[in-house]
Amino acid sequence: MQMGELNIEHGLEKSLMSKEFKKLWAANGNELSIQYSGTGSTTTALTQDGKEGIIGSIQYGFTSFSRFLVNNFEDSFRQKCIDVLLNRSSTIPKSSI
């Protein structure tokens, strides 16, 4: 094996590792976003690919609209449940579902 071959293999390995790390980072961010806001991350495509593109823009719009719905129609029940768990409220909320 010559030195040039080693550099090429090292570069490919680094590139694959970087791609896998970006996928892992995006998946983690997506899960955190679901826990925090009830919807996926708005920047998953940007984090994974480094660019947003048309599909990323459509996903961003869909996620933003989903967040609007969650925040306006489902968030109050979730917040009441958190308040009960943290002993900030003595009444258990009734589900609106």
PDB file of N, CA and C in Angstrom:
ATOM      1  N   MET A   1       0.844  -1.173   0.000  1.00  0.00           N
ATOM      2  CA  MET A   1       0.000   0.000   0.000  1.00  0.00           C
ATOM      3  C   MET A   1       0.891   1.238   0.000  1.00  0.00           C
ATOM      4  N   GLN A   2       0.576   2.174  -0.871  1.00  0.00           N
ATOM      5  CA  GLN A   2       1.348   3.396  -0.958  1.00  0.00           C
ATOM      6  C   GLN A   2       0.662   4.502  -0.166  1.00  0.00           C
ATOM      7  N   MET A   3       1.382   5.559   0.072  1.00  0.00           N
ATOM      8  CA  MET A   3       0.887   6.655   0.882  1.00  0.00           C
ATOM      9  C   MET A   3      -0.370   7.291   0.287  1.00  0.00           C
ATOM     10  N   GLY A   4      -0.435   7.420  -1.024  1.00  0.00           N
ATOM     11  CA  GLY A   4      -1.607   8.011  -1.673  1.00  0.00           C
ATOM     12  C   GLY A   4      -2.867   7.198  -1.441  1.00  0.00           C
ATOM     13  N   GLU A   5      -2.747   5.880  -1.490  1.00  0.00           N
ATOM     14  CA  GLU A   5      -3.894   5.007  -1.242  1.00  0.00           C
ATOM     15  C   GLU A   5      -4.394   5.171   0.184  1.00  0.00           C
ATOM     16  N   LEU A   6      -3.491   5.317   1.122  1.00  0.00           N
ATOM     17  CA  LEU A   6      -3.851   5.475   2.517  1.00  0.00           C
ATOM     18  C   LEU A   6      -4.642   6.763   2.731  1.00  0.00           C
ATOM     19  N   ASN A   7      -4.219   7.836   2.102  1.00  0.00           N
ATOM     20  CA  ASN A   7      -4.924   9.109   2.232  1.00  0.00           C
ATOM     21  C   ASN A   7      -6.339   9.039   1.654  1.00  0.00           C
ATOM     22  N   ILE A   8      -6.495   8.366   0.525  1.00  0.00           N
ATOM     23  CA  ILE A   8      -7.816   8.227  -0.079  1.00  0.00           C
ATOM     24  C   ILE A   8      -8.729   7.420   0.841  1.00  0.00           C
ATOM     25  N   GLU A   9      -8.218   6.296   1.365  1.00  0.00           N
ATOM     26  CA  GLU A   9      -9.025   5.471   2.266  1.00  0.00           C
ATOM     27  C   GLU A   9      -9.382   6.243   3.526  1.00  0.00           C
ATOM     28  N   HIS A  10      -8.459   6.997   4.070  1.00  0.00           N
ATOM     29  CA  HIS A  10      -8.702   7.798   5.273  1.00  0.00           C
ATOM     30  C   HIS A  10      -9.769   8.858   4.992  1.00  0.00           C
ATOM     31  N   GLY A  11      -9.699   9.471   3.820  1.00  0.00           N
ATOM     32  CA  GLY A  11     -10.684  10.484   3.450  1.00  0.00           C
ATOM     33  C   GLY A  11     -12.083   9.903   3.306  1.00  0.00           C
ATOM     34  N   LEU A  12     -12.175   8.706   2.694  1.00  0.00           N
ATOM     35  CA  LEU A  12     -13.473   8.046   2.560  1.00  0.00           C
ATOM     36  C   LEU A  12     -14.025   7.654   3.926  1.00  0.00           C
ATOM     37  N   GLU A  13     -13.160   7.147   4.783  1.00  0.00           N
ATOM     38  CA  GLU A  13     -13.590   6.750   6.120  1.00  0.00           C
ATOM     39  C   GLU A  13     -14.089   7.965   6.901  1.00  0.00           C
ATOM     40  N   LYS A  14     -13.368   9.064   6.792  1.00  0.00           N
ATOM     41  CA  LYS A  14     -13.755  10.297   7.480  1.00  0.00           C
ATOM     42  C   LYS A  14     -15.080  10.819   6.931  1.00  0.00           C
ATOM     43  N   SER A  15     -15.272  10.731   5.629  1.00  0.00           N
ATOM     44  CA  SER A  15     -16.504  11.182   4.997  1.00  0.00           C
ATOM     45  C   SER A  15     -17.699  10.342   5.455  1.00  0.00           C
ATOM     46  N   LEU A  16     -17.538   9.013   5.475  1.00  0.00           N
ATOM     47  CA  LEU A  16     -18.614   8.133   5.931  1.00  0.00           C
ATOM     48  C   LEU A  16     -18.935   8.367   7.399  1.00  0.00           C
ATOM     49  N   MET A  17     -17.898   8.567   8.189  1.00  0.00           N
ATOM     50  CA  MET A  17     -18.101   8.826   9.609  1.00  0.00           C
ATOM     51  C   MET A  17     -18.837  10.152   9.812  1.00  0.00           C
ATOM     52  N   SER A  18     -18.483  11.129   9.030  1.00  0.00           N
ATOM     53  CA  SER A  18     -19.146  12.432   9.113  1.00  0.00           C
ATOM     54  C   SER A  18     -20.622  12.324   8.736  1.00  0.00           C
ATOM     55  N   LYS A  19     -20.929  11.565   7.678  1.00  0.00           N
ATOM     56  CA  LYS A  19     -22.329  11.376   7.264  1.00  0.00           C
ATOM     57  C   LYS A  19     -23.131  10.682   8.348  1.00  0.00           C
ATOM     58  N   GLU A  20     -22.551   9.623   8.928  1.00  0.00           N
ATOM     59  CA  GLU A  20     -23.246   8.884   9.988  1.00  0.00           C
ATOM     60  C   GLU A  20     -23.455   9.761  11.219  1.00  0.00           C
ATOM     61  N   PHE A  21     -22.455  10.581  11.549  1.00  0.00           N
ATOM     62  CA  PHE A  21     -22.586  11.483  12.682  1.00  0.00           C
ATOM     63  C   PHE A  21     -23.687  12.501  12.443  1.00  0.00           C
ATOM     64  N   LYS A  22     -23.774  13.040  11.228  1.00  0.00           N
ATOM     65  CA  LYS A  22     -24.834  14.001  10.900  1.00  0.00           C
ATOM     66  C   LYS A  22     -26.214  13.364  10.989  1.00  0.00           C
ATOM     67  N   LYS A  23     -26.327  12.102  10.528  1.00  0.00           N
ATOM     68  CA  LYS A  23     -27.602  11.397  10.627  1.00  0.00           C
ATOM     69  C   LYS A  23     -27.988  11.186  12.086  1.00  0.00           C
ATOM     70  N   LEU A  24     -27.025  10.787  12.901  1.00  0.00           N
ATOM     71  CA  LEU A  24     -27.272  10.583  14.323  1.00  0.00           C
ATOM     72  C   LEU A  24     -27.649  11.890  15.006  1.00  0.00           C
ATOM     73  N   TRP A  25     -26.931  12.962  14.679  1.00  0.00           N
ATOM     74  CA  TRP A  25     -27.200  14.274  15.258  1.00  0.00           C
ATOM     75  C   TRP A  25     -28.610  14.753  14.880  1.00  0.00           C
ATOM     76  N   ALA A  26     -28.994  14.571  13.630  1.00  0.00           N
ATOM     77  CA  ALA A  26     -30.325  14.982  13.166  1.00  0.00           C
ATOM     78  C   ALA A  26     -31.416  14.151  13.844  1.00  0.00           C
ATOM     79  N   ALA A  27     -31.188  12.848  13.985  1.00  0.00           N
ATOM     80  CA  ALA A  27     -32.178  11.988  14.641  1.00  0.00           C
ATOM     81  C   ALA A  27     -32.350  12.382  16.100  1.00  0.00           C
ATOM     82  N   ASN A  28     -31.246  12.675  16.773  1.00  0.00           N
ATOM     83  CA  ASN A  28     -31.312  13.106  18.166  1.00  0.00           C
ATOM     84  C   ASN A  28     -32.058  14.439  18.284  1.00  0.00           C
ATOM     85  N   GLY A  29     -31.744  15.372  17.420  1.00  0.00           N
ATOM     86  CA  GLY A  29     -32.437  16.660  17.433  1.00  0.00           C
ATOM     87  C   GLY A  29     -33.919  16.511  17.151  1.00  0.00           C
ATOM     88  N   ASN A  30     -34.253  15.599  16.266  1.00  0.00           N
ATOM     89  CA  ASN A  30     -35.646  15.341  15.938  1.00  0.00           C
ATOM     90  C   ASN A  30     -36.391  14.794  17.158  1.00  0.00           C
ATOM     91  N   GLU A  31     -35.786  13.850  17.858  1.00  0.00           N
ATOM     92  CA  GLU A  31     -36.417  13.278  19.054  1.00  0.00           C
ATOM     93  C   GLU A  31     -36.575  14.323  20.155  1.00  0.00           C
ATOM     94  N   LEU A  32     -35.566  15.146  20.356  1.00  0.00           N
ATOM     95  CA  LEU A  32     -35.674  16.223  21.350  1.00  0.00           C
ATOM     96  C   LEU A  32     -36.789  17.194  20.980  1.00  0.00           C
ATOM     97  N   SER A  33     -36.899  17.494  19.710  1.00  0.00           N
ATOM     98  CA  SER A  33     -37.949  18.397  19.249  1.00  0.00           C
ATOM     99  C   SER A  33     -39.332  17.800  19.487  1.00  0.00           C
ATOM    100  N   ILE A  34     -39.475  16.505  19.259  1.00  0.00           N
ATOM    101  CA  ILE A  34     -40.765  15.847  19.501  1.00  0.00           C
ATOM    102  C   ILE A  34     -41.120  15.913  20.982  1.00  0.00           C
ATOM    103  N   GLN A  35     -40.157  15.685  21.849  1.00  0.00           N
ATOM    104  CA  GLN A  35     -40.421  15.754  23.287  1.00  0.00           C
ATOM    105  C   GLN A  35     -40.773  17.171  23.716  1.00  0.00           C
ATOM    106  N   TYR A  36     -40.073  18.147  23.160  1.00  0.00           N
ATOM    107  CA  TYR A  36     -40.261  19.531  23.591  1.00  0.00           C
ATOM    108  C   TYR A  36     -41.482  20.183  22.957  1.00  0.00           C
ATOM    109  N   SER A  37     -41.664  20.007  21.653  1.00  0.00           N
ATOM    110  CA  SER A  37     -42.714  20.752  20.967  1.00  0.00           C
ATOM    111  C   SER A  37     -43.846  19.889  20.426  1.00  0.00           C
ATOM    112  N   GLY A  38     -43.696  18.574  20.460  1.00  0.00           N
ATOM    113  CA  GLY A  38     -44.742  17.702  19.950  1.00  0.00           C
ATOM    114  C   GLY A  38     -44.635  17.416  18.462  1.00  0.00           C
ATOM    115  N   THR A  39     -43.666  18.000  17.792  1.00  0.00           N
ATOM    116  CA  THR A  39     -43.448  17.747  16.365  1.00  0.00           C
ATOM    117  C   THR A  39     -41.958  17.546  16.119  1.00  0.00           C
ATOM    118  N   GLY A  40     -41.636  17.051  14.947  1.00  0.00           N
ATOM    119  CA  GLY A  40     -40.245  16.848  14.586  1.00  0.00           C
ATOM    120  C   GLY A  40     -39.502  18.157  14.385  1.00  0.00           C
ATOM    121  N   SER A  41     -38.214  18.057  14.215  1.00  0.00           N
ATOM    122  CA  SER A  41     -37.367  19.223  14.001  1.00  0.00           C
ATOM    123  C   SER A  41     -37.631  19.855  12.638  1.00  0.00           C
ATOM    124  N   THR A  42     -37.554  21.160  12.587  1.00  0.00           N
ATOM    125  CA  THR A  42     -37.753  21.862  11.319  1.00  0.00           C
ATOM    126  C   THR A  42     -36.483  21.881  10.475  1.00  0.00           C
ATOM    127  N   THR A  43     -35.351  21.531  11.060  1.00  0.00           N
ATOM    128  CA  THR A  43     -34.085  21.629  10.333  1.00  0.00           C
ATOM    129  C   THR A  43     -33.407  20.283  10.117  1.00  0.00           C
ATOM    130  N   THR A  44     -34.165  19.185  10.127  1.00  0.00           N
ATOM    131  CA  THR A  44     -33.569  17.858   9.951  1.00  0.00           C
ATOM    132  C   THR A  44     -32.855  17.736   8.610  1.00  0.00           C
ATOM    133  N   ALA A  45     -33.505  18.147   7.537  1.00  0.00           N
ATOM    134  CA  ALA A  45     -32.900  18.041   6.198  1.00  0.00           C
ATOM    135  C   ALA A  45     -31.643  18.896   6.104  1.00  0.00           C
ATOM    136  N   LEU A  46     -31.689  20.075   6.683  1.00  0.00           N
ATOM    137  CA  LEU A  46     -30.534  20.966   6.655  1.00  0.00           C
ATOM    138  C   LEU A  46     -29.364  20.369   7.434  1.00  0.00           C
ATOM    139  N   THR A  47     -29.648  19.766   8.578  1.00  0.00           N
ATOM    140  CA  THR A  47     -28.598  19.163   9.397  1.00  0.00           C
ATOM    141  C   THR A  47     -27.974  17.956   8.705  1.00  0.00           C
ATOM    142  N   GLN A  48     -28.799  17.128   8.084  1.00  0.00           N
ATOM    143  CA  GLN A  48     -28.277  15.912   7.452  1.00  0.00           C
ATOM    144  C   GLN A  48     -27.527  16.199   6.161  1.00  0.00           C
ATOM    145  N   ASP A  49     -28.092  17.034   5.318  1.00  0.00           N
ATOM    146  CA  ASP A  49     -27.547  17.234   3.975  1.00  0.00           C
ATOM    147  C   ASP A  49     -26.693  18.483   3.825  1.00  0.00           C
ATOM    148  N   GLY A  50     -26.812  19.414   4.740  1.00  0.00           N
ATOM    149  CA  GLY A  50     -26.088  20.668   4.621  1.00  0.00           C
ATOM    150  C   GLY A  50     -26.795  21.672   3.733  1.00  0.00           C
ATOM    151  N   LYS A  51     -27.928  21.290   3.164  1.00  0.00           N
ATOM    152  CA  LYS A  51     -28.738  22.186   2.343  1.00  0.00           C
ATOM    153  C   LYS A  51     -30.200  21.793   2.528  1.00  0.00           C
ATOM    154  N   GLU A  52     -31.081  22.721   2.246  1.00  0.00           N
ATOM    155  CA  GLU A  52     -32.488  22.437   2.501  1.00  0.00           C
ATOM    156  C   GLU A  52     -33.193  21.884   1.271  1.00  0.00           C
ATOM    157  N   GLY A  53     -33.106  22.522   0.160  1.00  0.00           N
ATOM    158  CA  GLY A  53     -33.739  22.046  -1.065  1.00  0.00           C
ATOM    159  C   GLY A  53     -35.255  22.170  -1.027  1.00  0.00           C
ATOM    160  N   ILE A  54     -35.899  21.740  -2.085  1.00  0.00           N
ATOM    161  CA  ILE A  54     -37.350  21.858  -2.205  1.00  0.00           C
ATOM    162  C   ILE A  54     -38.063  20.929  -1.224  1.00  0.00           C
ATOM    163  N   ILE A  55     -37.621  19.680  -1.142  1.00  0.00           N
ATOM    164  CA  ILE A  55     -38.262  18.733  -0.223  1.00  0.00           C
ATOM    165  C   ILE A  55     -38.083  19.198   1.220  1.00  0.00           C
ATOM    166  N   GLY A  56     -36.923  19.712   1.556  1.00  0.00           N
ATOM    167  CA  GLY A  56     -36.681  20.243   2.895  1.00  0.00           C
ATOM    168  C   GLY A  56     -37.596  21.421   3.200  1.00  0.00           C
ATOM    169  N   SER A  57     -37.827  22.273   2.203  1.00  0.00           N
ATOM    170  CA  SER A  57     -38.735  23.415   2.392  1.00  0.00           C
ATOM    171  C   SER A  57     -40.166  22.946   2.614  1.00  0.00           C
ATOM    172  N   ILE A  58     -40.576  21.919   1.888  1.00  0.00           N
ATOM    173  CA  ILE A  58     -41.919  21.369   2.078  1.00  0.00           C
ATOM    174  C   ILE A  58     -42.044  20.750   3.467  1.00  0.00           C
ATOM    175  N   GLN A  59     -41.021  20.004   3.893  1.00  0.00           N
ATOM    176  CA  GLN A  59     -41.032  19.420   5.235  1.00  0.00           C
ATOM    177  C   GLN A  59     -41.068  20.510   6.297  1.00  0.00           C
ATOM    178  N   TYR A  60     -40.325  21.582   6.083  1.00  0.00           N
ATOM    179  CA  TYR A  60     -40.315  22.703   7.021  1.00  0.00           C
ATOM    180  C   TYR A  60     -41.719  23.296   7.150  1.00  0.00           C
ATOM    181  N   GLY A  61     -42.389  23.512   6.029  1.00  0.00           N
ATOM    182  CA  GLY A  61     -43.749  24.057   6.054  1.00  0.00           C
ATOM    183  C   GLY A  61     -44.726  23.126   6.747  1.00  0.00           C
ATOM    184  N   PHE A  62     -44.622  21.829   6.463  1.00  0.00           N
ATOM    185  CA  PHE A  62     -45.498  20.849   7.095  1.00  0.00           C
ATOM    186  C   PHE A  62     -45.268  20.805   8.607  1.00  0.00           C
ATOM    187  N   THR A  63     -44.006  20.792   9.027  1.00  0.00           N
ATOM    188  CA  THR A  63     -43.689  20.768  10.451  1.00  0.00           C
ATOM    189  C   THR A  63     -44.158  22.039  11.138  1.00  0.00           C
ATOM    190  N   SER A  64     -43.989  23.180  10.494  1.00  0.00           N
ATOM    191  CA  SER A  64     -44.445  24.445  11.075  1.00  0.00           C
ATOM    192  C   SER A  64     -45.956  24.451  11.247  1.00  0.00           C
ATOM    193  N   PHE A  65     -46.674  23.953  10.258  1.00  0.00           N
ATOM    194  CA  PHE A  65     -48.129  23.880  10.356  1.00  0.00           C
ATOM    195  C   PHE A  65     -48.546  22.903  11.461  1.00  0.00           C
ATOM    196  N   SER A  66     -47.853  21.786  11.568  1.00  0.00           N
ATOM    197  CA  SER A  66     -48.139  20.820  12.636  1.00  0.00           C
ATOM    198  C   SER A  66     -47.910  21.442  14.005  1.00  0.00           C
ATOM    199  N   ARG A  67     -46.840  22.212  14.135  1.00  0.00           N
ATOM    200  CA  ARG A  67     -46.574  22.897  15.414  1.00  0.00           C
ATOM    201  C   ARG A  67     -47.672  23.897  15.734  1.00  0.00           C
ATOM    202  N   PHE A  68     -48.156  24.591  14.726  1.00  0.00           N
ATOM    203  CA  PHE A  68     -49.261  25.524  14.933  1.00  0.00           C
ATOM    204  C   PHE A  68     -50.473  24.790  15.507  1.00  0.00           C
ATOM    205  N   LEU A  69     -50.804  23.650  14.912  1.00  0.00           N
ATOM    206  CA  LEU A  69     -51.959  22.879  15.395  1.00  0.00           C
ATOM    207  C   LEU A  69     -51.736  22.358  16.812  1.00  0.00           C
ATOM    208  N   VAL A  70     -50.561  21.799  17.054  1.00  0.00           N
ATOM    209  CA  VAL A  70     -50.264  21.265  18.378  1.00  0.00           C
ATOM    210  C   VAL A  70     -50.316  22.371  19.428  1.00  0.00           C
ATOM    211  N   ASN A  71     -49.690  23.497  19.154  1.00  0.00           N
ATOM    212  CA  ASN A  71     -49.637  24.585  20.124  1.00  0.00           C
ATOM    213  C   ASN A  71     -51.003  25.188  20.414  1.00  0.00           C
ATOM    214  N   ASN A  72     -51.874  25.206  19.427  1.00  0.00           N
ATOM    215  CA  ASN A  72     -53.173  25.840  19.631  1.00  0.00           C
ATOM    216  C   ASN A  72     -54.264  24.894  20.114  1.00  0.00           C
ATOM    217  N   PHE A  73     -54.111  23.590  19.899  1.00  0.00           N
ATOM    218  CA  PHE A  73     -55.194  22.682  20.239  1.00  0.00           C
ATOM    219  C   PHE A  73     -54.823  21.579  21.223  1.00  0.00           C
ATOM    220  N   GLU A  74     -53.553  21.242  21.356  1.00  0.00           N
ATOM    221  CA  GLU A  74     -53.182  20.125  22.213  1.00  0.00           C
ATOM    222  C   GLU A  74     -52.262  20.508  23.366  1.00  0.00           C
ATOM    223  N   ASP A  75     -51.612  21.637  23.292  1.00  0.00           N
ATOM    224  CA  ASP A  75     -50.585  21.979  24.258  1.00  0.00           C
ATOM    225  C   ASP A  75     -51.130  22.258  25.653  1.00  0.00           C
ATOM    226  N   SER A  76     -52.331  22.797  25.767  1.00  0.00           N
ATOM    227  CA  SER A  76     -52.847  23.138  27.092  1.00  0.00           C
ATOM    228  C   SER A  76     -53.041  21.885  27.943  1.00  0.00           C
ATOM    229  N   PHE A  77     -53.525  20.808  27.348  1.00  0.00           N
ATOM    230  CA  PHE A  77     -53.691  19.558  28.096  1.00  0.00           C
ATOM    231  C   PHE A  77     -52.339  19.025  28.552  1.00  0.00           C
ATOM    232  N   ARG A  78     -51.360  19.055  27.671  1.00  0.00           N
ATOM    233  CA  ARG A  78     -50.010  18.596  28.017  1.00  0.00           C
ATOM    234  C   ARG A  78     -49.430  19.425  29.159  1.00  0.00           C
ATOM    235  N   GLN A  79     -49.611  20.735  29.100  1.00  0.00           N
ATOM    236  CA  GLN A  79     -49.084  21.604  30.150  1.00  0.00           C
ATOM    237  C   GLN A  79     -49.783  21.347  31.481  1.00  0.00           C
ATOM    238  N   LYS A  80     -51.079  21.100  31.445  1.00  0.00           N
ATOM    239  CA  LYS A  80     -51.802  20.780  32.680  1.00  0.00           C
ATOM    240  C   LYS A  80     -51.297  19.479  33.283  1.00  0.00           C
ATOM    241  N   CYS A  81     -50.997  18.496  32.448  1.00  0.00           N
ATOM    242  CA  CYS A  81     -50.445  17.221  32.933  1.00  0.00           C
ATOM    243  C   CYS A  81     -49.079  17.432  33.572  1.00  0.00           C
ATOM    244  N   ILE A  82     -48.254  18.254  32.959  1.00  0.00           N
ATOM    245  CA  ILE A  82     -46.930  18.547  33.528  1.00  0.00           C
ATOM    246  C   ILE A  82     -47.087  19.248  34.868  1.00  0.00           C
ATOM    247  N   ASP A  83     -48.030  20.183  34.961  1.00  0.00           N
ATOM    248  CA  ASP A  83     -48.277  20.886  36.217  1.00  0.00           C
ATOM    249  C   ASP A  83     -48.705  19.920  37.322  1.00  0.00           C
ATOM    250  N   VAL A  84     -49.543  18.938  36.986  1.00  0.00           N
ATOM    251  CA  VAL A  84     -49.962  17.944  37.971  1.00  0.00           C
ATOM    252  C   VAL A  84     -48.767  17.103  38.410  1.00  0.00           C
ATOM    253  N   LEU A  85     -47.937  16.680  37.448  1.00  0.00           N
ATOM    254  CA  LEU A  85     -46.763  15.878  37.793  1.00  0.00           C
ATOM    255  C   LEU A  85     -45.775  16.644  38.669  1.00  0.00           C
ATOM    256  N   LEU A  86     -45.679  17.941  38.475  1.00  0.00           N
ATOM    257  CA  LEU A  86     -44.757  18.766  39.257  1.00  0.00           C
ATOM    258  C   LEU A  86     -45.409  19.324  40.522  1.00  0.00           C
ATOM    259  N   ASN A  87     -46.624  18.876  40.782  1.00  0.00           N
ATOM    260  CA  ASN A  87     -47.380  19.275  41.965  1.00  0.00           C
ATOM    261  C   ASN A  87     -47.673  20.782  41.990  1.00  0.00           C
ATOM    262  N   ARG A  88     -47.888  21.353  40.842  1.00  0.00           N
ATOM    263  CA  ARG A  88     -48.257  22.768  40.734  1.00  0.00           C
ATOM    264  C   ARG A  88     -49.772  22.937  40.663  1.00  0.00           C
ATOM    265  N   SER A  89     -50.468  21.832  40.492  1.00  0.00           N
ATOM    266  CA  SER A  89     -51.924  21.856  40.386  1.00  0.00           C
ATOM    267  C   SER A  89     -52.459  20.627  41.105  1.00  0.00           C
ATOM    268  N   SER A  90     -53.591  20.785  41.765  1.00  0.00           N
ATOM    269  CA  SER A  90     -54.141  19.659  42.520  1.00  0.00           C
ATOM    270  C   SER A  90     -55.231  18.925  41.754  1.00  0.00           C
ATOM    271  N   THR A  91     -55.684  19.471  40.651  1.00  0.00           N
ATOM    272  CA  THR A  91     -56.737  18.821  39.884  1.00  0.00           C
ATOM    273  C   THR A  91     -56.149  18.120  38.666  1.00  0.00           C
ATOM    274  N   ILE A  92     -56.632  16.931  38.403  1.00  0.00           N
ATOM    275  CA  ILE A  92     -56.179  16.166  37.247  1.00  0.00           C
ATOM    276  C   ILE A  92     -57.004  16.609  36.046  1.00  0.00           C
ATOM    277  N   PRO A  93     -56.365  17.021  34.955  1.00  0.00           N
ATOM    278  CA  PRO A  93     -57.111  17.508  33.785  1.00  0.00           C
ATOM    279  C   PRO A  93     -57.864  16.390  33.076  1.00  0.00           C
ATOM    280  N   LYS A  94     -58.990  16.747  32.506  1.00  0.00           N
ATOM    281  CA  LYS A  94     -59.754  15.815  31.694  1.00  0.00           C
ATOM    282  C   LYS A  94     -59.286  15.945  30.256  1.00  0.00           C
ATOM    283  N   SER A  95     -59.128  14.813  29.622  1.00  0.00           N
ATOM    284  CA  SER A  95     -58.657  14.803  28.236  1.00  0.00           C
ATOM    285  C   SER A  95     -59.745  15.368  27.339  1.00  0.00           C
ATOM    286  N   SER A  96     -59.315  16.162  26.365  1.00  0.00           N
ATOM    287  CA  SER A  96     -60.255  16.719  25.393  1.00  0.00           C
ATOM    288  C   SER A  96     -60.379  15.810  24.177  1.00  0.00           C
ATOM    289  N   ILE A  97     -59.720  14.669  24.237  1.00  0.00           N
ATOM    290  CA  ILE A  97     -59.717  13.735  23.111  1.00  0.00           C
ATOM    291  C   ILE A  97     -60.931  12.853  23.161  1.00  0.00           C
TER     292      ILE A  97
END
